[in-house]
N, C-alpha and C. Protein backbone atom coordinates (compact mmCIF):
# COMPACT_ATOMS: atom_id res chain seq x y z
N MET A 1 -10.10 40.32 5.85
CA MET A 1 -9.76 39.25 4.93
C MET A 1 -8.40 39.51 4.29
N ARG A 2 -8.19 40.75 3.84
CA ARG A 2 -6.91 41.09 3.22
C ARG A 2 -5.75 40.90 4.20
N ALA A 3 -5.97 41.31 5.44
CA ALA A 3 -4.92 41.18 6.45
C ALA A 3 -4.58 39.71 6.69
N ALA A 4 -5.58 38.86 6.69
CA ALA A 4 -5.34 37.43 6.90
C ALA A 4 -4.55 36.84 5.74
N VAL A 5 -4.88 37.23 4.52
CA VAL A 5 -4.15 36.76 3.35
C VAL A 5 -2.70 37.26 3.39
N ARG A 6 -2.52 38.52 3.76
CA ARG A 6 -1.18 39.09 3.85
C ARG A 6 -0.34 38.35 4.90
N ARG A 7 -0.94 38.07 6.07
CA ARG A 7 -0.21 37.35 7.12
C ARG A 7 0.16 35.93 6.66
N ALA A 8 -0.77 35.28 5.97
CA ALA A 8 -0.49 33.93 5.46
C ALA A 8 0.64 33.96 4.43
N ALA A 9 0.62 34.95 3.55
CA ALA A 9 1.67 35.07 2.53
C ALA A 9 3.02 35.35 3.18
N GLN A 10 3.04 36.18 4.22
CA GLN A 10 4.29 36.46 4.90
C GLN A 10 4.80 35.22 5.63
N ARG A 11 3.90 34.45 6.19
CA ARG A 11 4.31 33.23 6.90
C ARG A 11 4.87 32.21 5.93
N VAL A 12 4.27 32.10 4.76
CA VAL A 12 4.72 31.12 3.78
C VAL A 12 6.02 31.59 3.12
N GLY A 13 6.13 32.85 2.76
CA GLY A 13 7.34 33.37 2.15
C GLY A 13 7.53 32.90 0.72
N HIS A 14 8.67 33.24 0.16
CA HIS A 14 8.96 32.90 -1.23
C HIS A 14 9.18 31.40 -1.42
N ARG A 15 9.92 30.81 -0.52
CA ARG A 15 10.18 29.37 -0.61
C ARG A 15 8.88 28.58 -0.46
N GLY A 16 8.06 28.99 0.49
CA GLY A 16 6.78 28.32 0.69
C GLY A 16 5.84 28.49 -0.49
N ALA A 17 5.86 29.68 -1.10
CA ALA A 17 5.02 29.91 -2.28
C ALA A 17 5.42 28.96 -3.40
N LEU A 18 6.71 28.76 -3.57
CA LEU A 18 7.19 27.83 -4.58
C LEU A 18 6.72 26.41 -4.26
N LEU A 19 6.80 26.03 -2.99
CA LEU A 19 6.32 24.70 -2.60
C LEU A 19 4.82 24.54 -2.84
N VAL A 20 4.05 25.59 -2.58
CA VAL A 20 2.61 25.51 -2.82
C VAL A 20 2.33 25.35 -4.32
N LEU A 21 2.99 26.15 -5.14
CA LEU A 21 2.75 26.09 -6.59
C LEU A 21 3.16 24.75 -7.18
N LEU A 22 4.39 24.32 -6.91
CA LEU A 22 4.87 23.06 -7.48
C LEU A 22 4.18 21.85 -6.84
N GLY A 23 3.85 21.97 -5.56
CA GLY A 23 3.11 20.90 -4.90
C GLY A 23 1.71 20.74 -5.47
N THR A 24 1.09 21.86 -5.79
CA THR A 24 -0.25 21.81 -6.38
C THR A 24 -0.20 21.17 -7.77
N ILE A 25 0.84 21.48 -8.55
CA ILE A 25 0.99 20.85 -9.86
C ILE A 25 1.09 19.33 -9.70
N ALA A 26 1.95 18.88 -8.79
CA ALA A 26 2.13 17.44 -8.57
C ALA A 26 0.83 16.80 -8.07
N LEU A 27 0.17 17.47 -7.13
CA LEU A 27 -1.07 16.94 -6.57
C LEU A 27 -2.16 16.81 -7.64
N LEU A 28 -2.33 17.84 -8.45
CA LEU A 28 -3.37 17.81 -9.48
C LEU A 28 -3.04 16.82 -10.60
N TYR A 29 -1.78 16.76 -11.00
CA TYR A 29 -1.40 15.80 -12.05
C TYR A 29 -1.58 14.38 -11.53
N GLY A 30 -1.18 14.15 -10.27
CA GLY A 30 -1.38 12.84 -9.68
C GLY A 30 -2.85 12.47 -9.59
N ALA A 31 -3.69 13.43 -9.17
CA ALA A 31 -5.13 13.17 -9.08
C ALA A 31 -5.71 12.84 -10.45
N SER A 32 -5.22 13.50 -11.50
CA SER A 32 -5.72 13.21 -12.84
C SER A 32 -5.35 11.80 -13.28
N LEU A 33 -4.17 11.33 -12.87
CA LEU A 33 -3.76 9.96 -13.23
C LEU A 33 -4.56 8.92 -12.45
N ILE A 34 -5.00 9.28 -11.25
CA ILE A 34 -5.79 8.36 -10.43
C ILE A 34 -7.21 8.27 -10.97
N THR A 35 -7.81 9.42 -11.26
CA THR A 35 -9.23 9.44 -11.63
C THR A 35 -9.47 9.11 -13.10
N THR A 36 -8.65 9.62 -14.00
CA THR A 36 -8.83 9.37 -15.44
C THR A 36 -7.47 9.16 -16.11
N PRO A 37 -6.86 7.99 -15.90
CA PRO A 37 -5.55 7.75 -16.51
C PRO A 37 -5.68 7.72 -18.04
N PRO A 38 -4.66 8.24 -18.73
CA PRO A 38 -4.73 8.26 -20.20
C PRO A 38 -4.67 6.84 -20.76
N VAL A 39 -5.55 6.58 -21.70
CA VAL A 39 -5.57 5.27 -22.38
C VAL A 39 -5.57 5.56 -23.87
N PRO A 40 -4.66 5.05 -24.67
CA PRO A 40 -3.51 4.26 -24.22
C PRO A 40 -2.52 5.13 -23.49
N HIS A 41 -1.60 4.46 -22.79
CA HIS A 41 -0.57 5.20 -22.04
C HIS A 41 0.28 6.01 -23.00
N PRO A 42 0.66 7.21 -22.61
CA PRO A 42 1.53 8.01 -23.47
C PRO A 42 2.83 7.27 -23.77
N ILE A 43 3.30 7.41 -24.99
CA ILE A 43 4.55 6.78 -25.38
C ILE A 43 5.67 7.37 -24.53
N GLY A 44 6.57 6.54 -24.11
CA GLY A 44 7.69 7.00 -23.31
C GLY A 44 7.60 6.63 -21.84
N LEU A 45 6.56 5.92 -21.45
CA LEU A 45 6.39 5.58 -20.03
C LEU A 45 6.80 4.15 -19.70
N ARG A 46 7.44 3.47 -20.62
CA ARG A 46 7.79 2.06 -20.41
C ARG A 46 8.60 1.86 -19.13
N LEU A 47 9.60 2.71 -18.92
CA LEU A 47 10.43 2.59 -17.72
C LEU A 47 9.59 2.78 -16.45
N LEU A 48 8.73 3.80 -16.44
CA LEU A 48 7.87 4.05 -15.27
C LEU A 48 6.93 2.89 -15.02
N LEU A 49 6.29 2.42 -16.09
CA LEU A 49 5.30 1.36 -15.93
C LEU A 49 5.93 0.03 -15.56
N GLY A 50 7.24 -0.11 -15.81
CA GLY A 50 7.95 -1.30 -15.36
C GLY A 50 8.15 -1.31 -13.85
N LEU A 51 8.07 -0.14 -13.25
CA LEU A 51 8.24 -0.03 -11.80
C LEU A 51 6.92 -0.10 -11.03
N MET A 52 5.88 0.50 -11.63
CA MET A 52 4.60 0.61 -10.92
C MET A 52 3.52 1.01 -11.94
N PRO A 53 2.26 0.60 -11.73
CA PRO A 53 1.20 1.03 -12.64
C PRO A 53 1.00 2.55 -12.59
N LEU A 54 0.42 3.09 -13.63
CA LEU A 54 0.23 4.54 -13.73
C LEU A 54 -0.59 5.10 -12.57
N LYS A 55 -1.57 4.34 -12.12
CA LYS A 55 -2.37 4.78 -10.96
C LYS A 55 -1.49 4.91 -9.72
N GLY A 56 -0.53 4.01 -9.56
CA GLY A 56 0.42 4.09 -8.45
C GLY A 56 1.27 5.35 -8.54
N TRP A 57 1.67 5.70 -9.76
CA TRP A 57 2.42 6.95 -9.95
C TRP A 57 1.54 8.14 -9.62
N GLY A 58 0.25 8.03 -9.90
CA GLY A 58 -0.68 9.10 -9.54
C GLY A 58 -0.73 9.31 -8.04
N TYR A 59 -0.82 8.21 -7.29
CA TYR A 59 -0.83 8.32 -5.83
C TYR A 59 0.51 8.88 -5.32
N THR A 60 1.60 8.47 -5.94
CA THR A 60 2.92 8.96 -5.55
C THR A 60 3.03 10.47 -5.78
N LEU A 61 2.58 10.92 -6.94
CA LEU A 61 2.60 12.35 -7.25
C LEU A 61 1.71 13.14 -6.30
N ALA A 62 0.52 12.62 -6.07
CA ALA A 62 -0.41 13.33 -5.18
C ALA A 62 0.16 13.42 -3.76
N ALA A 63 0.77 12.34 -3.29
CA ALA A 63 1.36 12.36 -1.95
C ALA A 63 2.52 13.35 -1.88
N ALA A 64 3.37 13.35 -2.91
CA ALA A 64 4.50 14.29 -2.93
C ALA A 64 4.00 15.72 -2.95
N GLY A 65 2.97 15.98 -3.74
CA GLY A 65 2.40 17.32 -3.79
C GLY A 65 1.83 17.74 -2.45
N GLY A 66 1.15 16.81 -1.79
CA GLY A 66 0.60 17.10 -0.47
C GLY A 66 1.68 17.40 0.55
N ILE A 67 2.77 16.63 0.51
CA ILE A 67 3.89 16.88 1.43
C ILE A 67 4.48 18.26 1.17
N ALA A 68 4.66 18.60 -0.10
CA ALA A 68 5.23 19.91 -0.43
C ALA A 68 4.35 21.04 0.08
N VAL A 69 3.05 20.92 -0.11
CA VAL A 69 2.13 21.96 0.35
C VAL A 69 2.15 22.05 1.88
N LEU A 70 2.19 20.92 2.55
CA LEU A 70 2.24 20.93 4.02
C LEU A 70 3.55 21.52 4.56
N CYS A 71 4.61 21.40 3.78
CA CYS A 71 5.91 21.96 4.22
C CYS A 71 6.02 23.45 3.93
N ALA A 72 5.11 24.00 3.15
CA ALA A 72 5.20 25.40 2.74
C ALA A 72 5.28 26.38 3.91
N PRO A 73 4.49 26.25 4.96
CA PRO A 73 4.57 27.24 6.04
C PRO A 73 5.73 27.02 7.02
N LEU A 74 6.47 25.94 6.84
CA LEU A 74 7.57 25.66 7.77
C LEU A 74 8.75 26.60 7.51
N ARG A 75 9.50 26.88 8.56
CA ARG A 75 10.67 27.76 8.43
C ARG A 75 11.74 27.08 7.59
N GLN A 76 12.58 27.93 7.00
CA GLN A 76 13.70 27.43 6.24
C GLN A 76 14.55 26.51 7.11
N GLY A 77 14.94 25.41 6.55
CA GLY A 77 15.68 24.41 7.31
C GLY A 77 14.79 23.27 7.75
N ARG A 78 13.50 23.56 7.91
CA ARG A 78 12.53 22.52 8.25
C ARG A 78 11.64 22.17 7.06
N ASP A 79 11.75 22.94 5.98
CA ASP A 79 10.91 22.72 4.80
C ASP A 79 11.55 21.79 3.78
N TRP A 80 12.72 21.26 4.09
CA TRP A 80 13.46 20.44 3.14
C TRP A 80 12.70 19.22 2.60
N PRO A 81 11.82 18.56 3.38
CA PRO A 81 11.12 17.41 2.79
C PRO A 81 10.27 17.79 1.57
N GLY A 82 9.69 18.99 1.59
CA GLY A 82 8.89 19.42 0.45
C GLY A 82 9.71 19.55 -0.82
N PHE A 83 10.89 20.12 -0.71
CA PHE A 83 11.77 20.26 -1.88
C PHE A 83 12.26 18.89 -2.34
N THR A 84 12.62 18.05 -1.38
CA THR A 84 13.17 16.73 -1.70
C THR A 84 12.17 15.86 -2.45
N VAL A 85 10.94 15.79 -1.95
CA VAL A 85 9.96 14.92 -2.61
C VAL A 85 9.62 15.42 -4.02
N LEU A 86 9.62 16.73 -4.21
CA LEU A 86 9.34 17.25 -5.55
C LEU A 86 10.43 16.87 -6.54
N VAL A 87 11.67 16.92 -6.09
CA VAL A 87 12.77 16.50 -6.98
C VAL A 87 12.66 15.01 -7.26
N LEU A 88 12.48 14.21 -6.21
CA LEU A 88 12.48 12.77 -6.37
C LEU A 88 11.29 12.23 -7.16
N VAL A 89 10.16 12.91 -7.11
CA VAL A 89 8.99 12.40 -7.80
C VAL A 89 9.03 12.69 -9.30
N TRP A 90 9.71 13.77 -9.70
CA TRP A 90 9.74 14.12 -11.13
C TRP A 90 10.92 13.49 -11.88
N LEU A 91 11.99 13.16 -11.19
CA LEU A 91 13.16 12.59 -11.87
C LEU A 91 12.85 11.29 -12.64
N PRO A 92 12.11 10.34 -12.07
CA PRO A 92 11.81 9.13 -12.86
C PRO A 92 11.03 9.42 -14.14
N TRP A 93 10.17 10.43 -14.12
CA TRP A 93 9.43 10.79 -15.32
C TRP A 93 10.40 11.30 -16.39
N SER A 94 11.32 12.14 -15.98
CA SER A 94 12.30 12.66 -16.92
C SER A 94 13.15 11.52 -17.49
N LEU A 95 13.62 10.64 -16.64
CA LEU A 95 14.44 9.53 -17.10
C LEU A 95 13.68 8.58 -18.01
N SER A 96 12.42 8.35 -17.72
CA SER A 96 11.61 7.46 -18.55
C SER A 96 11.47 8.03 -19.97
N PHE A 97 11.16 9.31 -20.07
CA PHE A 97 11.04 9.91 -21.39
C PHE A 97 12.39 10.00 -22.09
N LEU A 98 13.44 10.26 -21.33
CA LEU A 98 14.76 10.34 -21.93
C LEU A 98 15.18 9.00 -22.53
N THR A 99 14.97 7.91 -21.78
CA THR A 99 15.35 6.59 -22.30
C THR A 99 14.44 6.15 -23.44
N SER A 100 13.22 6.66 -23.49
CA SER A 100 12.34 6.31 -24.62
C SER A 100 12.82 6.98 -25.91
N TRP A 101 13.51 8.09 -25.76
CA TRP A 101 14.07 8.78 -26.93
C TRP A 101 15.41 8.16 -27.31
N TRP A 102 16.28 8.05 -26.31
CA TRP A 102 17.58 7.45 -26.52
C TRP A 102 17.95 6.66 -25.27
N PRO A 103 18.25 5.44 -25.32
CA PRO A 103 18.66 4.63 -26.45
C PRO A 103 17.55 3.82 -27.11
N GLN A 104 16.34 3.77 -26.54
CA GLN A 104 15.30 2.91 -27.09
C GLN A 104 14.84 3.36 -28.47
N GLY A 105 14.80 4.65 -28.71
CA GLY A 105 14.40 5.17 -30.01
C GLY A 105 12.92 5.00 -30.34
N GLU A 106 12.07 4.75 -29.34
CA GLU A 106 10.65 4.55 -29.60
C GLU A 106 9.85 5.85 -29.60
N ASN A 107 10.47 6.93 -29.12
CA ASN A 107 9.75 8.18 -28.95
C ASN A 107 10.63 9.32 -29.47
N PRO A 108 10.45 9.72 -30.74
CA PRO A 108 11.33 10.73 -31.32
C PRO A 108 11.27 12.09 -30.63
N ARG A 109 10.19 12.38 -29.92
CA ARG A 109 10.08 13.65 -29.19
C ARG A 109 10.21 13.45 -27.68
N GLY A 110 10.73 12.33 -27.27
CA GLY A 110 10.90 12.03 -25.85
C GLY A 110 11.80 13.02 -25.15
N TRP A 111 12.76 13.58 -25.87
CA TRP A 111 13.68 14.55 -25.27
C TRP A 111 12.93 15.78 -24.78
N VAL A 112 11.84 16.16 -25.47
CA VAL A 112 11.07 17.34 -25.06
C VAL A 112 10.41 17.08 -23.71
N SER A 113 9.72 15.96 -23.59
CA SER A 113 9.08 15.62 -22.32
C SER A 113 10.13 15.43 -21.23
N ALA A 114 11.28 14.84 -21.58
CA ALA A 114 12.34 14.65 -20.59
C ALA A 114 12.81 15.99 -20.04
N LEU A 115 12.96 17.00 -20.90
CA LEU A 115 13.39 18.31 -20.45
C LEU A 115 12.33 19.00 -19.59
N ILE A 116 11.06 18.83 -19.95
CA ILE A 116 9.98 19.44 -19.16
C ILE A 116 9.96 18.85 -17.75
N PHE A 117 10.03 17.53 -17.66
CA PHE A 117 10.00 16.91 -16.34
C PHE A 117 11.30 17.16 -15.58
N ALA A 118 12.43 17.29 -16.29
CA ALA A 118 13.68 17.65 -15.63
C ALA A 118 13.59 19.06 -15.04
N ALA A 119 12.90 19.96 -15.75
CA ALA A 119 12.71 21.32 -15.22
C ALA A 119 11.83 21.29 -13.97
N LEU A 120 10.80 20.43 -13.98
CA LEU A 120 9.94 20.31 -12.79
C LEU A 120 10.74 19.79 -11.60
N ALA A 121 11.77 18.98 -11.85
CA ALA A 121 12.64 18.51 -10.76
C ALA A 121 13.73 19.54 -10.45
N GLY A 122 14.18 20.26 -11.46
CA GLY A 122 15.28 21.19 -11.28
C GLY A 122 14.93 22.45 -10.52
N VAL A 123 13.72 22.93 -10.69
CA VAL A 123 13.33 24.17 -10.00
C VAL A 123 13.39 24.01 -8.47
N PRO A 124 12.76 23.00 -7.90
CA PRO A 124 12.89 22.88 -6.43
C PRO A 124 14.31 22.54 -6.00
N ALA A 125 15.07 21.82 -6.84
CA ALA A 125 16.46 21.51 -6.49
C ALA A 125 17.28 22.80 -6.40
N ALA A 126 17.06 23.70 -7.33
CA ALA A 126 17.80 24.97 -7.34
C ALA A 126 17.34 25.88 -6.20
N CYS A 127 16.06 25.92 -5.95
CA CYS A 127 15.51 26.86 -4.97
C CYS A 127 15.69 26.39 -3.53
N ALA A 128 15.93 25.13 -3.32
CA ALA A 128 16.07 24.61 -1.95
C ALA A 128 17.21 25.27 -1.21
N GLY A 129 18.23 25.69 -1.92
CA GLY A 129 19.38 26.32 -1.28
C GLY A 129 19.27 27.82 -1.11
N TRP A 130 18.22 28.41 -1.63
CA TRP A 130 18.05 29.86 -1.53
C TRP A 130 17.65 30.24 -0.11
N GLU A 131 18.17 31.37 0.32
CA GLU A 131 17.79 31.91 1.62
C GLU A 131 16.46 32.66 1.48
N GLU A 132 15.62 32.53 2.45
CA GLU A 132 14.37 33.29 2.49
C GLU A 132 14.71 34.73 2.84
N PRO A 133 14.25 35.71 2.07
CA PRO A 133 14.52 37.10 2.42
C PRO A 133 14.00 37.41 3.82
N GLY A 134 14.83 38.09 4.60
CA GLY A 134 14.42 38.47 5.95
C GLY A 134 14.71 37.43 7.00
N GLU A 135 15.13 36.24 6.60
CA GLU A 135 15.47 35.20 7.57
C GLU A 135 16.84 35.52 8.17
N PRO A 136 17.04 35.25 9.43
CA PRO A 136 18.39 35.42 9.99
C PRO A 136 19.33 34.41 9.34
N PRO A 137 20.59 34.78 9.14
CA PRO A 137 21.54 33.85 8.51
C PRO A 137 21.69 32.59 9.35
N ARG A 138 21.83 31.46 8.66
CA ARG A 138 22.02 30.21 9.37
C ARG A 138 23.43 30.14 9.90
N ARG A 139 23.64 29.34 10.93
CA ARG A 139 24.97 29.20 11.50
C ARG A 139 25.95 28.76 10.43
N GLY A 140 27.12 29.36 10.45
CA GLY A 140 28.15 29.00 9.48
C GLY A 140 28.09 29.87 8.24
N SER A 141 27.04 30.69 8.09
CA SER A 141 26.92 31.59 6.95
C SER A 141 27.64 32.88 7.27
N PRO A 142 28.22 33.54 6.24
CA PRO A 142 28.91 34.81 6.50
C PRO A 142 27.95 35.92 6.89
């Protein structure tokens, strides 16, 4: 059992582990919005809800999380969809909370939520360019 776990961890690597962790967060948060959406809606979601109902955002988050997890075992260079969907799915949340704080002024603590969701988008954006330890250098790299 230990050997199987070790082999799986080596196959996934550091980049894949990040995709599994962040993908699981997106998948679980999305599932929570599908099964038990918050009522009333949290303040600061006006921009998001203008685009799609909260349940739709739940399906979007769950799908993005699933894509990220499925991309985790792929080699560097082929795992890019997982990083991309994680960035793209969290950015609207950050923007929605940011605009609820300023310029709308309806959510005095909207900047806090905006920063949290920006961090959820920023981590995969930053890590997507990292080389996996032990991977051969890609063409064009020194």
